[in-house]
Amino acid sequence: MLILAIDGALGPFTAAVLESETGKAWIEAAAQRDALEGGLRAADAALRSSGYALDDLHRLAVTVGPGGFTGLRIALAYAKSLAFALNLPLVGVSSYDALAPRGLGEPALVAVRGRAGAACVRLRLVGGSEERFCGAIDEVAEWVGSRASGAELAVAGALDELAPALVRAGVPIRRLVQGEPPALRAAHVAATAALHEGAHGVRPDYGERPHTTVPR
């Protein structure tokens, strides 16, 4: 199966083409602040590097959030446009899954950077139960501490601000490194995903409302 996956929610826009049977992949990234034009070029460059064309694709994937509000919307709109134009299935992949290293285990915490001073997290406990929370960094750390019950957590994702806050909150953590770009991880997730809905059913997960100032 040949999959094109794109991510605009978790930093610079990235695109990956994956041959699921062989594991061979081609990855391209746009400049940090070049989400629209650069993102489109990244997807095209990944395809050209692979030697494949759009007509060769079997499936599309896109990260649906949480994450950067503007990049998420651009990537999702582009992925849906491709899905409709090519009549291909589109898999929406949670940003948490795109950031979680393979074999993350339980209990585990995956963090996504939110607006300044904030984060969204997914906490997976032993047994597979999940909870999610978004808020200010210290609020998130306190929430995790109240749920983790002293268990050491394998943690991954956006941890620059959150990891110190977790330590201050008394949460034992073991940091893991994400070895794959989000678009490539999304492609791997999409390769085994069940197809339930068409592209219309793929919706964004903003995690929290974007921080805005309402004019008076």
Foldseek 3Di string as FASTA:
>chain_A
DWEWEWEQFAFFIKIKIADQVVRDMFIFTFDRPPQAPRNVVRSVVRCVVVVHDLLVDAEYEYEQDQGDDVSNVRRLVVRQVSCVVNVHAYYYDHLQQLWQAPPQDPQAKEWYDAPPQKIKIWTAHPVGDIDIAIDGLLVVLLVCCVPVVQDEYEYTYPCPPNVVSVVVNVHHYDYDYRPDHSRSSRRNVVVPDDGDDGSVPHHHDNNDDHDDDDDD
